[in-house]
Amino acid sequence: MADRPPDTWEDQVRVGAKAFEDGDFDVAEVALCRALDQAEGFEARDGRLSLTLNHLGMLYYADGRLDEALPALRRSLELLKDQPESEEAATGENNLAQVLDELDRSDEAQALYERSLSTRLKVFGENHPAVAASLNNLAVLHKKQGRLSDAEDFYRRALAIWESSLGSEHPTVGKGRANLATLFRAAGKVETAERTYEQAEKILVESIGEDHLEVAQVRWSRASLYEEQERFQEAEALFHRALVARVKGYGAEHVQVARDLQALSLFYSRQGRHAEAGPLQQKAVHLFAEQRGMSHAETLLASLALARLHHARGKIDDAEEIYVQIIEVAADHPQDDVLDLARTNYAALLDSVGRGADASRLRKSGPEDEGGSKKK
């Protein structure tokens, strides 16, 4: 049998895009890196190299790897410098702006968002979904800056375009309404936020189905709103419905599931329901360790939350064991913030059980001395 020919660039991009959409970032990264290896051999003006870098950059962005996303997206956009008013350049500007916004480089992000909007208006005209996407991203940036009135104006303009161009029952309209609801929540307009979340959920359920991840996101947001109002029973029911959908959508071992379990654990903990919070936090720590590794900040912070839960439940030895482990790992990696938190919390635990001398030594010790106060 003849050897199977190597996968083409198109094959790899198709596999990567599908895996990205499905939330399987590991498979997506492998495929897109293979596509990039091939694209590096194309001519400098070949648009496939820029496109591959853009896909890879957005994968890193979605996975929280901003330091890797930034150079990939910058290089992708640089390759389009001779096409400054093209659809591809507008997309590149928009995507790079999202990463800069996430890095709190808001002035750079705003300039890129505005350039992208200007280009899209020239390319597509005023009533196009891509123009609405740029307006929506400007709204997100202004909301983050606390400029809620400007943000609302951008959100409403985006929503009007989506409703006009896509129809009032399109899922993008549902997501736009959810964004507007989040703004109302930030502005303290609780009743308006709740009503707008309900409108968003109805549109999304009818257009993409009960168990879709976008529906789960709206339900999670609405549950958080109810929690703020101390409507705990309503919040709990929505949190669980959202979590079930996310487990189905992402898979039970996905890092987003770990984040959700941790958030639900905190929900119970705030109510003093530590016995219910503990197993959820334990599972979150396990998933973070499996998906991120023991030295990752998310794993260490989740472990810290678990130690605090053990302390609250009187499980002092279990809490102490975790604190010592966190301190040892954080001291060997650039995790100074986590290390300081762990030392502070561990010292508080030692004080609470009458081991003030150990607590004092811990507060005075440097990273190289950590672990020495552990009870033998």
Protein backbone atom coordinates (compact mmCIF):
# COMPACT_ATOMS: atom_id res chain seq x y z
CA MET A 1 0.00 0.00 0.00
CA ALA A 2 1.33 3.41 -0.93
CA ASP A 3 2.22 5.76 1.88
CA ARG A 4 -0.46 8.30 2.69
CA PRO A 5 0.58 11.73 1.36
CA PRO A 6 1.30 14.35 4.01
CA ASP A 7 -1.60 16.49 5.16
CA THR A 8 -1.94 19.73 3.30
CA TRP A 9 -2.00 23.17 4.87
CA GLU A 10 -5.75 23.25 4.24
CA ASP A 11 -6.20 19.93 6.08
CA GLN A 12 -4.29 21.13 9.12
CA VAL A 13 -6.14 24.45 9.31
CA ARG A 14 -9.47 22.66 8.98
CA VAL A 15 -8.60 20.24 11.79
CA GLY A 16 -7.28 23.05 13.96
CA ALA A 17 -10.33 25.25 13.45
CA LYS A 18 -12.72 22.38 14.24
CA ALA A 19 -10.81 21.40 17.38
CA PHE A 20 -10.71 25.05 18.49
CA GLU A 21 -14.47 25.33 18.03
CA ASP A 22 -14.94 22.12 20.05
CA GLY A 23 -12.74 23.42 22.89
CA ASP A 24 -9.99 20.84 22.29
CA PHE A 25 -7.09 23.29 22.43
CA ASP A 26 -4.35 20.65 22.50
CA VAL A 27 -5.43 19.11 19.19
CA ALA A 28 -6.01 22.56 17.74
CA GLU A 29 -2.51 23.73 18.66
CA VAL A 30 -0.81 20.68 17.15
CA ALA A 31 -2.70 21.07 13.87
CA LEU A 32 -2.16 24.82 13.63
CA CYS A 33 1.55 24.53 14.44
CA ARG A 34 1.87 21.98 11.63
CA ALA A 35 0.03 24.39 9.34
CA LEU A 36 2.41 27.15 10.41
CA ASP A 37 5.44 25.00 9.63
CA GLN A 38 4.10 24.56 6.10
CA ALA A 39 3.08 28.21 5.72
CA GLU A 40 6.59 29.38 6.64
CA GLY A 41 7.72 27.86 3.34
CA PHE A 42 5.27 29.87 1.26
CA GLU A 43 6.12 33.17 -0.42
CA ALA A 44 6.20 36.20 1.87
CA ARG A 45 3.09 37.69 0.25
CA ASP A 46 1.11 34.45 0.53
CA GLY A 47 -1.90 35.22 2.72
CA ARG A 48 -1.90 31.75 4.26
CA LEU A 49 0.99 32.59 6.60
CA SER A 50 -0.84 35.61 8.04
CA LEU A 51 -4.04 33.61 8.35
CA THR A 52 -2.32 30.75 10.17
CA LEU A 53 -0.64 33.11 12.61
CA ASN A 54 -3.99 34.77 13.24
CA HIS A 55 -5.66 31.42 13.99
CA LEU A 56 -2.82 30.40 16.29
CA GLY A 57 -2.81 33.76 18.06
CA MET A 58 -6.53 33.55 18.76
CA LEU A 59 -6.10 30.01 20.07
CA TYR A 60 -3.47 31.25 22.52
CA TYR A 61 -5.75 34.15 23.45
CA ALA A 62 -8.67 31.81 24.17
CA ASP A 63 -6.37 29.60 26.25
CA GLY A 64 -5.16 32.55 28.33
CA ARG A 65 -1.63 32.43 26.87
CA LEU A 66 -1.45 36.13 26.13
CA ASP A 67 2.34 36.32 25.94
CA GLU A 68 2.24 33.85 23.05
CA ALA A 69 -0.86 35.35 21.43
CA LEU A 70 0.62 38.84 21.21
CA PRO A 71 3.65 38.14 18.94
CA ALA A 72 1.66 35.79 16.71
CA LEU A 73 -1.05 38.38 16.10
CA ARG A 74 1.47 41.22 15.69
CA ARG A 75 3.36 39.25 13.05
CA SER A 76 0.11 38.29 11.32
CA LEU A 77 -0.88 41.94 11.06
CA GLU A 78 2.61 43.02 9.99
CA LEU A 79 2.35 40.65 7.01
CA LEU A 80 -0.71 42.63 5.89
CA LYS A 81 0.95 46.07 6.01
CA ASP A 82 0.62 46.47 2.24
CA GLN A 83 -3.16 45.86 2.56
CA PRO A 84 -4.05 48.38 5.30
CA GLU A 85 -7.72 48.71 4.28
CA SER A 86 -8.48 45.06 3.62
CA GLU A 87 -10.97 42.82 5.40
CA GLU A 88 -8.04 40.71 6.64
CA ALA A 89 -6.24 43.73 8.11
CA ALA A 90 -9.42 44.83 9.92
CA THR A 91 -9.77 41.35 11.41
CA GLY A 92 -6.11 41.34 12.45
CA GLU A 93 -6.45 44.76 14.10
CA ASN A 94 -9.55 43.65 15.95
CA ASN A 95 -7.95 40.45 17.23
CA LEU A 96 -4.72 42.11 18.32
CA ALA A 97 -6.77 44.76 20.12
CA GLN A 98 -8.55 42.05 22.12
CA VAL A 99 -5.24 40.74 23.44
CA LEU A 100 -3.95 44.23 24.26
CA ASP A 101 -7.22 44.99 26.04
CA GLU A 102 -6.82 41.81 28.10
CA LEU A 103 -3.29 42.97 28.98
CA ASP A 104 -4.74 46.32 30.21
CA ARG A 105 -3.06 48.22 27.39
CA SER A 106 -6.31 50.01 26.72
CA ASP A 107 -4.98 52.99 24.75
CA GLU A 108 -3.32 50.71 22.18
CA ALA A 109 -6.39 48.48 22.10
CA GLN A 110 -8.76 51.39 21.53
CA ALA A 111 -6.68 52.76 18.65
CA LEU A 112 -6.70 49.35 16.94
CA TYR A 113 -10.43 48.82 17.54
CA GLU A 114 -11.15 52.22 15.99
CA ARG A 115 -8.92 51.48 12.98
CA SER A 116 -10.67 48.13 12.54
CA LEU A 117 -14.08 49.80 12.73
CA SER A 118 -13.07 52.44 10.20
CA THR A 119 -11.79 49.81 7.77
CA ARG A 120 -14.86 47.63 8.16
CA LEU A 121 -17.16 50.58 7.51
CA LYS A 122 -15.27 51.23 4.24
CA VAL A 123 -15.23 47.57 3.21
CA PHE A 124 -18.71 46.49 4.27
CA GLY A 125 -20.84 49.58 4.83
CA GLU A 126 -22.73 50.52 7.98
CA ASN A 127 -25.14 47.59 8.28
CA HIS A 128 -22.78 44.59 8.41
CA PRO A 129 -22.23 42.09 11.27
CA ALA A 130 -18.47 42.73 11.18
CA VAL A 131 -19.09 46.42 11.89
CA ALA A 132 -21.33 45.39 14.78
CA ALA A 133 -18.53 43.16 16.12
CA SER A 134 -16.14 46.13 16.18
CA LEU A 135 -18.73 48.27 17.97
CA ASN A 136 -19.30 45.48 20.47
CA ASN A 137 -15.59 45.22 21.24
CA LEU A 138 -15.37 48.98 21.73
CA ALA A 139 -18.27 48.64 24.15
CA VAL A 140 -16.39 45.98 26.11
CA LEU A 141 -13.34 48.24 26.35
CA HIS A 142 -15.36 51.28 27.47
CA LYS A 143 -17.23 49.18 30.05
CA LYS A 144 -13.92 47.98 31.44
CA GLN A 145 -12.80 51.61 31.76
CA GLY A 146 -15.99 52.48 33.65
CA ARG A 147 -17.37 54.59 30.80
CA LEU A 148 -20.74 52.90 31.00
CA SER A 149 -22.76 55.45 29.05
CA ASP A 150 -20.38 55.22 26.06
CA ALA A 151 -20.35 51.43 26.37
CA GLU A 152 -24.16 51.29 26.30
CA ASP A 153 -24.23 53.40 23.15
CA PHE A 154 -21.79 51.05 21.40
CA TYR A 155 -23.69 47.96 22.57
CA ARG A 156 -27.01 49.35 21.34
CA ARG A 157 -25.54 50.31 17.96
CA ALA A 158 -24.09 46.81 17.58
CA LEU A 159 -27.35 45.19 18.58
CA ALA A 160 -29.36 47.30 16.12
CA ILE A 161 -27.06 46.24 13.26
CA TRP A 162 -27.26 42.56 14.20
CA GLU A 163 -31.05 42.68 14.45
CA SER A 164 -31.31 44.43 11.09
CA SER A 165 -28.78 42.28 9.22
CA LEU A 166 -29.28 38.88 10.86
CA GLY A 167 -32.83 38.98 12.24
CA SER A 168 -34.12 39.49 15.79
CA GLU A 169 -33.98 35.77 16.65
CA HIS A 170 -30.40 35.13 15.54
CA PRO A 171 -28.05 33.73 18.23
CA THR A 172 -25.69 36.68 17.75
CA VAL A 173 -28.55 38.95 18.79
CA GLY A 174 -29.01 36.78 21.88
CA LYS A 175 -25.33 37.18 22.73
CA GLY A 176 -25.59 40.93 22.12
CA ARG A 177 -28.49 41.17 24.55
CA ALA A 178 -26.51 39.20 27.11
CA ASN A 179 -23.67 41.73 26.77
CA LEU A 180 -26.11 44.57 27.30
CA ALA A 181 -27.50 42.79 30.37
CA THR A 182 -23.99 42.58 31.83
CA LEU A 183 -23.63 46.32 31.35
CA PHE A 184 -26.94 47.00 33.10
CA ARG A 185 -25.75 44.80 35.96
CA ALA A 186 -22.53 46.80 36.26
CA ALA A 187 -24.58 50.01 36.30
CA GLY A 188 -26.73 48.70 39.14
CA LYS A 189 -29.86 48.40 36.98
CA VAL A 190 -30.73 45.04 38.45
CA GLU A 191 -34.30 44.61 37.18
CA THR A 192 -33.35 45.71 33.66
CA ALA A 193 -30.35 43.37 33.71
CA GLU A 194 -32.49 40.42 34.79
CA ARG A 195 -35.11 41.10 32.12
CA THR A 196 -32.44 41.47 29.42
CA TYR A 197 -30.71 38.23 30.48
CA GLU A 198 -34.06 36.44 30.20
CA GLN A 199 -34.58 37.87 26.69
CA ALA A 200 -31.08 36.74 25.69
CA GLU A 201 -31.62 33.25 27.08
CA LYS A 202 -34.95 32.86 25.26
CA ILE A 203 -33.42 33.82 21.92
CA LEU A 204 -30.44 31.51 22.40
CA VAL A 205 -32.47 28.50 23.57
CA GLU A 206 -34.81 28.80 20.60
CA SER A 207 -32.03 29.35 18.07
CA ILE A 208 -29.21 27.04 19.18
CA GLY A 209 -30.68 24.69 21.77
CA GLU A 210 -31.07 24.16 25.50
CA ASP A 211 -27.62 22.71 26.16
CA HIS A 212 -25.48 25.05 24.06
CA LEU A 213 -22.49 26.66 25.75
CA GLU A 214 -23.77 30.17 24.97
CA VAL A 215 -26.98 29.36 26.84
CA ALA A 216 -24.91 28.07 29.74
CA GLN A 217 -22.94 31.33 29.84
CA VAL A 218 -26.10 33.44 30.07
CA ARG A 219 -27.50 31.20 32.79
CA TRP A 220 -24.25 31.42 34.72
CA SER A 221 -24.34 35.21 34.50
CA ARG A 222 -27.96 35.33 35.62
CA ALA A 223 -27.16 33.00 38.51
CA SER A 224 -24.38 35.36 39.61
CA LEU A 225 -26.87 38.23 39.52
CA TYR A 226 -29.24 36.26 41.75
CA GLU A 227 -26.40 35.44 44.13
CA GLU A 228 -25.68 39.15 44.52
CA GLN A 229 -29.33 39.61 45.48
CA GLU A 230 -29.10 36.66 47.92
CA ARG A 231 -31.64 34.72 45.87
CA PHE A 232 -29.61 31.62 46.60
CA GLN A 233 -32.06 28.90 45.61
CA GLU A 234 -32.68 30.42 42.18
CA ALA A 235 -28.97 31.00 41.72
CA GLU A 236 -28.06 27.43 42.70
CA ALA A 237 -30.51 25.90 40.24
CA LEU A 238 -29.13 28.00 37.38
CA PHE A 239 -25.51 27.34 38.33
CA HIS A 240 -26.16 23.60 38.20
CA ARG A 241 -27.98 23.76 34.86
CA ALA A 242 -25.12 25.77 33.40
CA LEU A 243 -22.50 23.41 34.81
CA VAL A 244 -24.23 20.33 33.35
CA ALA A 245 -24.25 21.96 29.92
CA ARG A 246 -20.61 22.94 30.19
CA VAL A 247 -19.55 19.44 31.20
CA LYS A 248 -21.39 18.14 28.12
CA GLY A 249 -19.98 20.82 25.86
CA TYR A 250 -16.37 20.98 27.03
CA GLY A 251 -15.92 17.52 28.50
CA ALA A 252 -15.64 16.60 32.17
CA GLU A 253 -11.87 17.13 32.29
CA HIS A 254 -11.74 20.58 30.67
CA VAL A 255 -10.10 23.48 32.50
CA GLN A 256 -13.30 25.57 32.17
CA VAL A 257 -15.12 22.90 34.15
CA ALA A 258 -12.46 23.25 36.84
CA ARG A 259 -13.12 27.01 36.94
CA ASP A 260 -16.85 26.43 37.21
CA LEU A 261 -16.46 23.90 40.00
CA GLN A 262 -14.27 26.36 41.87
CA ALA A 263 -16.84 29.14 41.42
CA LEU A 264 -19.62 26.87 42.65
CA SER A 265 -17.48 25.88 45.62
CA LEU A 266 -17.05 29.56 46.46
CA PHE A 267 -20.81 30.05 46.13
CA TYR A 268 -21.38 27.39 48.80
CA SER A 269 -18.51 28.64 50.95
CA ARG A 270 -19.92 32.18 51.07
CA GLN A 271 -23.07 30.71 52.56
CA GLY A 272 -21.12 28.75 55.16
CA ARG A 273 -21.85 25.46 53.37
CA HIS A 274 -18.25 24.29 53.63
CA ALA A 275 -19.05 20.57 53.57
CA GLU A 276 -20.61 20.99 50.11
CA ALA A 277 -17.88 23.34 48.93
CA GLY A 278 -14.99 21.03 49.85
CA PRO A 279 -15.48 18.18 47.34
CA LEU A 280 -16.08 20.64 44.50
CA GLN A 281 -12.87 22.50 45.29
CA GLN A 282 -10.98 19.23 45.59
CA LYS A 283 -12.15 18.21 42.14
CA ALA A 284 -11.22 21.63 40.75
CA VAL A 285 -7.68 21.29 42.13
CA HIS A 286 -7.38 17.84 40.57
CA LEU A 287 -8.51 19.11 37.16
CA PHE A 288 -6.23 22.14 37.27
CA ALA A 289 -3.28 19.94 38.17
CA GLU A 290 -4.08 17.54 35.34
CA GLN A 291 -4.62 20.25 32.72
CA ARG A 292 -2.24 23.00 33.86
CA GLY A 293 0.38 21.27 35.97
CA MET A 294 1.14 21.63 39.67
CA SER A 295 3.17 24.84 39.31
CA HIS A 296 0.58 26.79 37.30
CA ALA A 297 -0.92 29.80 39.07
CA GLU A 298 -4.49 28.50 38.65
CA THR A 299 -3.57 25.19 40.29
CA LEU A 300 -1.79 26.89 43.18
CA LEU A 301 -4.60 29.38 43.80
CA ALA A 302 -7.17 26.58 43.69
CA SER A 303 -5.07 24.63 46.19
CA LEU A 304 -4.93 27.72 48.37
CA ALA A 305 -8.73 27.95 48.35
CA LEU A 306 -8.93 24.26 49.28
CA ALA A 307 -6.55 24.79 52.20
CA ARG A 308 -8.70 27.66 53.46
CA LEU A 309 -11.77 25.43 53.24
CA HIS A 310 -10.02 22.72 55.26
CA HIS A 311 -9.10 25.33 57.84
CA ALA A 312 -12.71 26.55 58.03
CA ARG A 313 -13.87 22.95 58.59
CA GLY A 314 -11.29 22.36 61.31
CA LYS A 315 -9.21 19.97 59.19
CA ILE A 316 -5.97 21.58 60.30
CA ASP A 317 -3.54 18.84 59.26
CA ASP A 318 -5.00 18.68 55.76
CA ALA A 319 -4.83 22.45 55.41
CA GLU A 320 -1.25 22.59 56.68
CA GLU A 321 -0.11 19.88 54.30
CA ILE A 322 -1.50 21.84 51.35
CA TYR A 323 0.03 25.14 52.51
CA VAL A 324 3.46 23.55 52.77
CA GLN A 325 3.10 22.01 49.32
CA ILE A 326 2.04 25.33 47.79
CA ILE A 327 4.95 27.17 49.41
CA GLU A 328 7.46 24.60 48.19
CA VAL A 329 6.16 24.71 44.61
CA ALA A 330 5.72 28.49 44.49
CA ALA A 331 9.22 29.06 45.89
CA ASP A 332 10.71 27.06 43.01
CA HIS A 333 8.80 29.00 40.34
CA PRO A 334 8.12 32.71 39.64
CA GLN A 335 4.93 32.76 41.71
CA ASP A 336 5.70 35.48 44.26
CA ASP A 337 2.09 36.63 44.66
CA VAL A 338 0.92 33.09 45.35
CA LEU A 339 3.84 32.54 47.71
CA ASP A 340 2.95 35.64 49.73
CA LEU A 341 -0.71 34.59 49.93
CA ALA A 342 0.21 31.08 51.01
CA ARG A 343 2.58 32.31 53.72
CA THR A 344 -0.01 34.78 55.03
CA ASN A 345 -2.77 32.17 55.16
CA TYR A 346 -0.51 29.51 56.64
CA ALA A 347 0.66 31.91 59.34
CA ALA A 348 -2.98 32.71 60.18
CA LEU A 349 -3.68 28.99 60.53
CA LEU A 350 -0.69 28.55 62.83
CA ASP A 351 -1.84 31.48 64.97
CA SER A 352 -5.34 29.98 65.20
CA VAL A 353 -4.01 26.75 66.73
CA GLY A 354 -1.70 28.40 69.23
CA ARG A 355 1.53 28.06 67.26
CA GLY A 356 2.38 31.75 67.25
CA ALA A 357 6.14 31.18 67.34
CA ASP A 358 5.96 29.09 64.16
CA ALA A 359 3.74 31.72 62.57
CA SER A 360 6.21 34.47 63.45
CA ARG A 361 9.13 32.52 61.98
CA LEU A 362 7.14 31.89 58.81
CA ARG A 363 6.37 35.59 58.37
CA LYS A 364 10.07 36.46 58.76
CA SER A 365 11.48 33.65 56.63
CA GLY A 366 12.53 33.91 53.00
CA PRO A 367 11.52 31.53 50.21
CA GLU A 368 14.58 29.36 50.79
CA ASP A 369 13.45 28.72 54.37
CA GLU A 370 9.84 27.75 53.59
CA GLY A 371 8.48 24.53 54.99
CA GLY A 372 10.66 24.67 58.09
CA SER A 373 7.78 25.50 60.40
CA LYS A 374 5.81 22.38 59.50
CA LYS A 375 4.80 20.43 62.56
CA LYS A 376 6.84 17.26 62.84
